[in-house]
Protein backbone atom coordinates (compact mmCIF):
# COMPACT_ATOMS: atom_id res chain seq x y z
CA UNK A 1 -15.43 18.00 -6.72
CA UNK A 2 -18.68 19.90 -6.25
CA UNK A 3 -18.58 23.40 -4.71
CA UNK A 4 -20.31 22.01 -1.61
CA UNK A 5 -17.60 19.45 -0.90
CA UNK A 6 -14.68 20.22 1.37
CA UNK A 7 -11.11 20.01 0.03
CA UNK A 8 -9.43 16.65 0.47
CA UNK A 9 -7.14 16.28 3.50
CA UNK A 10 -3.48 16.40 2.51
CA UNK A 11 -2.88 12.79 3.56
CA UNK A 12 -5.69 11.60 1.26
CA UNK A 13 -4.04 13.45 -1.62
CA UNK A 14 -0.76 11.80 -0.62
CA UNK A 15 -2.14 8.28 -0.80
CA UNK A 16 -3.84 9.08 -4.11
CA UNK A 17 -0.40 9.94 -5.48
CA UNK A 18 0.99 6.73 -3.99
CA UNK A 19 -1.59 4.61 -5.81
CA UNK A 20 -1.02 6.41 -9.12
CA UNK A 21 2.76 5.94 -8.76
CA UNK A 22 2.31 2.24 -7.97
CA UNK A 23 0.17 1.65 -11.06
CA UNK A 24 2.66 3.53 -13.25
CA UNK A 25 5.54 1.47 -11.84
CA UNK A 26 3.55 -1.70 -12.62
CA UNK A 27 3.26 -0.47 -16.19
CA UNK A 28 6.94 0.33 -16.66
CA UNK A 29 8.38 -2.72 -14.87
CA UNK A 30 5.96 -5.42 -16.05
CA UNK A 31 3.47 -4.46 -18.74
CA UNK A 32 5.85 -2.44 -20.93
CA UNK A 33 8.23 -5.41 -21.27
CA UNK A 34 5.77 -7.23 -23.55
CA UNK A 35 3.97 -6.24 -26.72
CA UNK A 36 0.52 -4.67 -26.18
CA UNK A 37 -2.41 -7.06 -26.25
CA UNK A 38 -5.17 -6.83 -28.82
CA UNK A 39 -7.93 -4.39 -27.73
CA UNK A 40 -10.48 -7.19 -27.96
CA UNK A 41 -8.63 -9.20 -25.30
CA UNK A 42 -9.15 -8.60 -21.56
CA UNK A 43 -7.00 -6.17 -19.61
CA UNK A 44 -3.75 -7.59 -18.26
CA UNK A 45 -3.88 -5.61 -14.97
CA UNK A 46 -7.04 -5.07 -12.92
CA UNK A 47 -7.70 -2.26 -10.46
CA UNK A 48 -10.44 -3.08 -7.97
CA UNK A 49 -12.04 -0.31 -5.87
CA UNK A 50 -14.81 -1.57 -3.60
CA UNK A 51 -15.73 1.76 -2.04
CA UNK A 52 -14.88 4.43 -4.61
CA UNK A 53 -18.37 4.87 -6.00
CA UNK A 54 -20.69 3.40 -3.43
CA UNK A 55 -23.29 5.36 -1.46
CA UNK A 56 -21.00 8.19 -0.27
CA UNK A 57 -21.09 11.56 -1.99
CA UNK A 58 -17.83 13.02 -0.71
CA UNK A 59 -14.86 13.52 -3.01
CA UNK A 60 -12.78 11.63 -0.43
CA UNK A 61 -14.67 8.42 -1.23
CA UNK A 62 -13.81 8.84 -4.90
CA UNK A 63 -10.21 10.06 -4.51
CA UNK A 64 -8.50 6.74 -5.19
CA UNK A 65 -10.74 5.83 -8.09
CA UNK A 66 -10.01 9.27 -9.56
CA UNK A 67 -6.26 8.73 -9.10
CA UNK A 68 -6.33 5.32 -10.81
CA UNK A 69 -8.48 6.55 -13.68
CA UNK A 70 -6.37 9.65 -14.32
CA UNK A 71 -3.11 7.70 -14.13
CA UNK A 72 -4.43 5.15 -16.63
CA UNK A 73 -5.73 7.81 -19.02
CA UNK A 74 -2.37 9.62 -19.01
CA UNK A 75 -0.08 6.58 -19.30
CA UNK A 76 -0.02 4.89 -22.74
CA UNK A 77 0.61 1.43 -21.29
CA UNK A 78 -2.04 1.63 -18.57
CA UNK A 79 -4.44 3.19 -21.04
CA UNK A 80 -4.50 -0.03 -23.06
CA UNK A 81 -3.78 -2.62 -20.35
CA UNK A 82 -5.66 -1.57 -17.17
CA UNK A 83 -9.18 -2.67 -16.40
CA UNK A 84 -11.09 -0.88 -13.62
CA UNK A 85 -13.75 -2.57 -11.49
CA UNK A 86 -15.57 -0.33 -9.01
CA UNK A 87 -18.56 -0.47 -6.72
CA UNK A 88 -21.32 1.85 -7.89
CA UNK A 89 -24.50 3.26 -6.32
CA UNK A 90 -27.95 2.05 -7.07
CA UNK A 91 -30.49 4.10 -9.05
CA UNK A 92 -31.79 5.62 -5.81
CA UNK A 93 -28.60 7.74 -5.56
CA UNK A 94 -28.61 9.99 -8.66
CA UNK A 95 -26.28 12.58 -7.10
CA UNK A 96 -23.69 9.94 -6.29
CA UNK A 97 -24.06 8.44 -9.74
CA UNK A 98 -23.44 11.83 -11.34
CA UNK A 99 -20.33 12.42 -9.23
CA UNK A 100 -19.06 8.95 -10.14
CA UNK A 101 -19.55 9.62 -13.85
CA UNK A 102 -17.48 12.79 -13.50
CA UNK A 103 -14.75 10.85 -11.67
CA UNK A 104 -14.62 8.27 -14.45
CA UNK A 105 -14.57 10.89 -17.20
CA UNK A 106 -10.88 10.33 -18.13
CA UNK A 107 -11.64 6.62 -18.64
CA UNK A 108 -13.18 7.49 -21.99
CA UNK A 109 -9.60 7.45 -23.34
CA UNK A 110 -8.95 3.91 -22.03
CA UNK A 111 -9.26 0.76 -24.14
CA UNK A 112 -11.31 -1.05 -21.50
CA UNK A 113 -14.37 0.72 -20.13
CA UNK A 114 -14.74 0.57 -16.33
CA UNK A 115 -16.97 -2.17 -14.98
CA UNK A 116 -19.36 -0.96 -12.28
CA UNK A 117 -20.86 -3.21 -9.64
CA UNK A 118 -23.92 -2.59 -7.52
CA UNK A 119 -24.71 -3.92 -4.05
CA UNK A 120 -23.67 -7.43 -2.90
CA UNK A 121 -20.54 -7.10 -4.96
CA UNK A 122 -18.58 -10.08 -3.57
CA UNK A 123 -19.72 -12.72 -6.07
CA UNK A 124 -19.77 -10.18 -8.90
CA UNK A 125 -16.13 -9.26 -8.27
CA UNK A 126 -15.09 -12.91 -8.48
CA UNK A 127 -17.07 -13.39 -11.70
CA UNK A 128 -15.54 -10.30 -13.34
CA UNK A 129 -11.99 -11.23 -12.36
CA UNK A 130 -12.49 -14.84 -13.42
CA UNK A 131 -13.58 -13.60 -16.84
CA UNK A 132 -10.70 -11.13 -17.09
CA UNK A 133 -7.95 -13.44 -15.71
CA UNK A 134 -5.45 -10.58 -15.28
CA UNK A 135 -1.78 -11.01 -14.48
CA UNK A 136 -2.56 -9.38 -11.13
CA UNK A 137 -5.24 -7.38 -9.35
CA UNK A 138 -4.42 -4.22 -7.43
CA UNK A 139 -7.23 -3.83 -4.87
CA UNK A 140 -7.94 -0.73 -2.81
CA UNK A 141 -10.04 -1.46 0.28
CA UNK A 142 -11.00 1.48 2.50
CA UNK A 143 -13.60 0.25 5.01
CA UNK A 144 -16.17 2.84 6.09
CA UNK A 145 -16.53 2.81 9.87
CA UNK A 146 -16.77 -0.23 12.14
CA UNK A 147 -19.33 -1.96 9.93
CA UNK A 148 -16.93 -1.63 7.01
CA UNK A 149 -14.12 -3.19 9.05
CA UNK A 150 -16.42 -6.09 9.89
CA UNK A 151 -17.40 -6.57 6.24
CA UNK A 152 -14.38 -8.72 5.40
CA UNK A 153 -13.68 -7.23 1.95
CA UNK A 154 -9.92 -7.30 2.52
CA UNK A 155 -10.02 -10.96 3.52
CA UNK A 156 -12.15 -11.85 0.47
CA UNK A 157 -9.62 -10.10 -1.75
CA UNK A 158 -6.70 -12.03 -0.27
CA UNK A 159 -8.40 -15.32 -1.16
CA UNK A 160 -7.80 -14.59 -4.83
CA UNK A 161 -4.54 -15.42 -6.61
CA UNK A 162 -2.15 -12.66 -7.72
CA UNK A 163 -3.78 -10.12 -5.42
CA UNK A 164 -1.91 -6.94 -4.42
CA UNK A 165 -3.93 -5.35 -1.63
CA UNK A 166 -3.88 -1.82 -0.23
CA UNK A 167 -5.90 -1.76 3.01
CA UNK A 168 -6.64 1.57 4.72
CA UNK A 169 -7.18 1.52 8.49
CA UNK A 170 -8.28 4.80 10.06
CA UNK A 171 -6.17 4.70 13.16
CA UNK A 172 -8.14 7.05 15.48
CA UNK A 173 -11.27 4.99 14.78
CA UNK A 174 -9.71 1.60 15.41
CA UNK A 175 -7.68 2.82 18.39
CA UNK A 176 -10.80 4.17 20.11
CA UNK A 177 -12.83 1.07 19.31
CA UNK A 178 -10.22 -1.52 20.25
CA UNK A 179 -11.39 -1.63 23.88
CA UNK A 180 -14.95 -0.40 23.33
CA UNK A 181 -17.54 -3.09 24.13
CA UNK A 182 -20.11 -1.41 21.86
CA UNK A 183 -18.11 -2.27 18.72
CA UNK A 184 -16.51 -5.48 19.98
CA UNK A 185 -18.49 -7.65 17.55
CA UNK A 186 -17.31 -5.66 14.54
CA UNK A 187 -13.67 -5.69 15.57
CA UNK A 188 -13.92 -9.40 16.41
CA UNK A 189 -14.82 -9.91 12.74
CA UNK A 190 -11.91 -7.74 11.64
CA UNK A 191 -9.16 -9.25 13.80
CA UNK A 192 -10.73 -12.63 14.56
CA UNK A 193 -12.38 -13.14 17.95
CA UNK A 194 -9.48 -14.88 19.78
CA UNK A 195 -6.92 -12.32 18.61
CA UNK A 196 -9.25 -9.40 19.36
CA UNK A 197 -9.79 -10.68 22.91
CA UNK A 198 -6.03 -10.97 23.50
CA UNK A 199 -5.50 -7.52 22.04
CA UNK A 200 -8.04 -5.94 24.40
CA UNK A 201 -6.22 -7.44 27.37
CA UNK A 202 -2.80 -6.37 26.16
CA UNK A 203 -3.84 -2.75 25.51
CA UNK A 204 -4.84 -2.06 29.12
CA UNK A 205 -2.51 0.51 30.64
CA UNK A 206 -0.32 0.96 27.55
CA UNK A 207 0.94 4.29 26.29
CA UNK A 208 0.13 5.57 22.76
CA UNK A 209 3.21 4.17 21.05
CA UNK A 210 2.82 0.76 22.65
CA UNK A 211 -0.86 0.69 21.68
CA UNK A 212 0.11 1.44 18.08
CA UNK A 213 2.59 -1.45 18.02
CA UNK A 214 0.05 -3.89 19.45
CA UNK A 215 -2.62 -2.87 16.93
CA UNK A 216 -0.07 -3.05 14.11
CA UNK A 217 1.00 -6.55 15.11
CA UNK A 218 -2.60 -7.78 15.42
CA UNK A 219 -3.55 -6.43 11.98
CA UNK A 220 -0.43 -7.82 10.31
CA UNK A 221 -1.05 -11.21 11.93
CA UNK A 222 -4.62 -11.21 10.62
CA UNK A 223 -3.40 -10.33 7.12
CA UNK A 224 -0.95 -13.25 7.21
CA UNK A 225 -3.66 -15.56 8.54
CA UNK A 226 -5.84 -14.63 5.57
CA UNK A 227 -3.15 -15.31 2.97
CA UNK A 228 -0.69 -12.40 2.84
CA UNK A 229 3.01 -13.27 2.90
CA UNK A 230 4.65 -9.86 2.52
CA UNK A 231 3.28 -6.83 4.40
CA UNK A 232 4.34 -3.17 4.58
CA UNK A 233 2.65 -0.69 6.93
CA UNK A 234 2.83 2.95 5.87
CA UNK A 235 1.76 5.77 8.19
CA UNK A 236 -0.19 8.83 7.04
CA UNK A 237 -0.18 11.79 9.41
CA UNK A 238 -1.66 15.28 9.25
CA UNK A 239 1.18 16.87 11.21
CA UNK A 240 -0.56 16.45 14.56
CA UNK A 241 -1.57 12.82 14.80
CA UNK A 242 -1.60 9.56 12.95
CA UNK A 243 -4.70 9.50 10.76
CA UNK A 244 -4.37 6.31 8.73
CA UNK A 245 -2.26 3.21 8.36
CA UNK A 246 -1.96 2.01 4.79
CA UNK A 247 -1.14 -1.71 4.72
CA UNK A 248 0.24 -3.24 1.54
CA UNK A 249 -0.18 -7.03 1.50
CA UNK A 250 0.65 -9.61 -1.14
CA UNK A 251 1.93 -13.14 -1.60
CA UNK A 252 4.36 -12.06 -4.33
CA UNK A 253 7.83 -10.77 -3.51
CA UNK A 254 8.01 -8.75 -6.75
CA UNK A 255 4.82 -6.90 -5.79
CA UNK A 256 6.26 -6.30 -2.32
CA UNK A 257 9.44 -4.88 -3.86
CA UNK A 258 7.47 -2.53 -6.14
CA UNK A 259 5.32 -1.30 -3.26
CA UNK A 260 8.33 -0.81 -1.05
CA UNK A 261 10.03 1.30 -3.72
CA UNK A 262 6.99 3.55 -4.08
CA UNK A 263 6.30 3.87 -0.34
CA UNK A 264 9.95 4.66 0.34
CA UNK A 265 9.79 7.41 -2.30
CA UNK A 266 6.79 9.00 -0.53
CA UNK A 267 8.31 8.79 2.95
CA UNK A 268 8.90 12.28 4.30
CA UNK A 269 11.42 11.16 6.94
CA UNK A 270 14.80 9.45 6.56
CA UNK A 271 17.63 8.50 8.89
CA UNK A 272 20.94 8.25 7.03
CA UNK A 273 18.89 7.83 3.85
CA UNK A 274 16.80 4.95 5.23
CA UNK A 275 13.07 5.73 4.76
CA UNK A 276 10.74 5.71 7.75
CA UNK A 277 7.60 4.75 5.74
CA UNK A 278 5.67 7.72 7.10
CA UNK A 279 4.10 10.64 5.29
CA UNK A 280 4.07 13.66 7.59
CA UNK A 281 4.02 17.17 6.06
CA UNK A 282 5.12 18.85 9.29
CA UNK A 283 8.04 16.55 10.09
CA UNK A 284 9.28 16.94 6.51
CA UNK A 285 10.00 20.64 7.15
CA UNK A 286 12.43 20.00 9.96
CA UNK A 287 15.75 18.22 10.13
CA UNK A 288 17.13 16.74 13.31
CA UNK A 289 20.37 18.42 14.37
CA UNK A 290 21.69 15.07 15.57
CA UNK A 291 20.62 11.67 14.28
CA UNK A 292 20.30 9.47 17.33
CA UNK A 293 19.33 6.44 15.24
CA UNK A 294 21.88 5.43 12.60
CA UNK A 295 20.32 2.56 10.65
CA UNK A 296 22.81 2.69 7.76
CA UNK A 297 25.70 2.08 10.16
CA UNK A 298 23.80 -0.89 11.58
CA UNK A 299 23.18 -2.27 8.08
CA UNK A 300 26.81 -1.92 7.06
CA UNK A 301 28.07 -3.63 10.22
CA UNK A 302 25.55 -6.45 9.78
CA UNK A 303 26.60 -6.99 6.16
CA UNK A 304 30.27 -6.98 7.18
CA UNK A 305 29.60 -9.81 9.64
CA UNK A 306 27.31 -11.81 7.36
CA UNK A 307 29.30 -11.50 4.13
CA UNK A 308 32.93 -11.62 5.28
CA UNK A 309 35.21 -12.97 2.51
CA UNK A 310 32.40 -12.87 -0.08
CA UNK A 311 32.40 -11.01 -3.42
CA UNK A 312 29.01 -9.40 -4.04
CA UNK A 313 27.10 -6.55 -5.69
CA UNK A 314 24.62 -4.29 -3.95
CA UNK A 315 21.84 -5.69 -6.17
CA UNK A 316 22.60 -9.26 -5.06
CA UNK A 317 22.60 -8.32 -1.39
CA UNK A 318 19.37 -6.37 -1.84
CA UNK A 319 17.58 -9.35 -3.35
CA UNK A 320 18.76 -11.65 -0.55
CA UNK A 321 18.28 -9.33 2.42
CA UNK A 322 15.65 -6.60 1.92
CA UNK A 323 12.43 -8.55 2.59
CA UNK A 324 11.12 -7.55 6.00
CA UNK A 325 13.71 -4.76 6.26
CA UNK A 326 13.21 -0.99 5.76
CA UNK A 327 16.16 -0.69 3.38
CA UNK A 328 15.94 0.16 -0.32
CA UNK A 329 18.55 -0.58 -2.98
CA UNK A 330 20.40 2.73 -2.54
CA UNK A 331 20.91 1.92 1.15
CA UNK A 332 22.82 -1.24 0.21
CA UNK A 333 24.96 0.73 -2.25
CA UNK A 334 25.72 3.25 0.50
CA UNK A 335 26.45 0.51 3.07
CA UNK A 336 29.06 -1.10 0.79
CA UNK A 337 30.70 2.29 0.23
CA UNK A 338 30.66 2.83 4.02
CA UNK A 339 32.56 -0.45 4.48
CA UNK A 340 35.03 0.41 1.70
CA UNK A 341 35.73 3.85 3.20
CA UNK A 342 36.72 2.13 6.45
CA UNK A 343 38.97 -0.47 4.84
CA UNK A 344 36.50 -3.29 5.43
CA UNK A 345 35.79 -3.90 1.72
CA UNK A 346 37.38 -3.10 -1.62
CA UNK A 347 36.06 -2.81 -5.15
CA UNK A 348 36.69 -5.47 -7.81
CA UNK A 349 35.16 -3.97 -10.95
CA UNK A 350 31.38 -3.87 -10.49
CA UNK A 351 31.62 -6.12 -7.45
CA UNK A 352 32.83 -5.59 -3.92
CA UNK A 353 34.88 -7.95 -1.76
CA UNK A 354 33.81 -7.83 1.88
CA UNK A 355 36.72 -8.27 4.29
CA UNK A 356 34.98 -8.03 7.64
């Protein structure tokens, strides 16, 4: 970061740590289970950053690329198995180019040198990924303003197989623009014109929380329409208001499970141990004196009804039940213990028999 650049907002630092943790989990759960590939062969995991080096000088625009590069340089598996593809400035931006070179400095320790793309990167991305043929591509898409939202980079990413997409939506920007006629064309491209028109009608007269839910639903529906099967929204706050929504989208349930594990770990709020998928540095300092919402009780009661007279493990229930739910594996362990403590289940070795 140059001395003229402002420090990164705390929520940007938080999502940089989320990305680094996700890449490291990919390494330990998938890549480390097989022998390393020969250095002359392509990388087995690709990281695609379409905005990290392009045309913006601020450290914020390079934060995610810096996180991915540093994580790869420090992790022995990622160091040999990760390939980075990033958008880069043209020769008319020497200051940006210099800042990008500094960001990519740790990549000198990686087996595969980063591949930098100039303008009109869509076809070039496809060509690079086709040549690499990775097991999966982790893509970070952070559209810049309304024109960035209209650009369709997230939708182009989702067309590709084995894509694990992180999409950043700056909530104040999209909330203000949702009913603004001046940016209607751009948001029509983002949500799709019919859905955007319905959304504008539905937002009239709604309070802030209802507006958030409507915008969430419209964005998730658009992601599914463009090829995503599993979606997780994660909220990034600055203690005063919601700044960004980080959507994870993929067609692969294993990718969804990995992302859920990482996002749950970075959640600053929990009710009975169930993560709220929100990073909020202010809320994390305070505990509620009385939990009005008791999601673990609800989970345990639901499992008691669904699994009566069955013999199960927490891992088996987790695999069958967790998709589309906020619960992580430890919540299922705790729910079974909750049932056992109330005489509604009893242990049979590693397994548990559910009575009711």
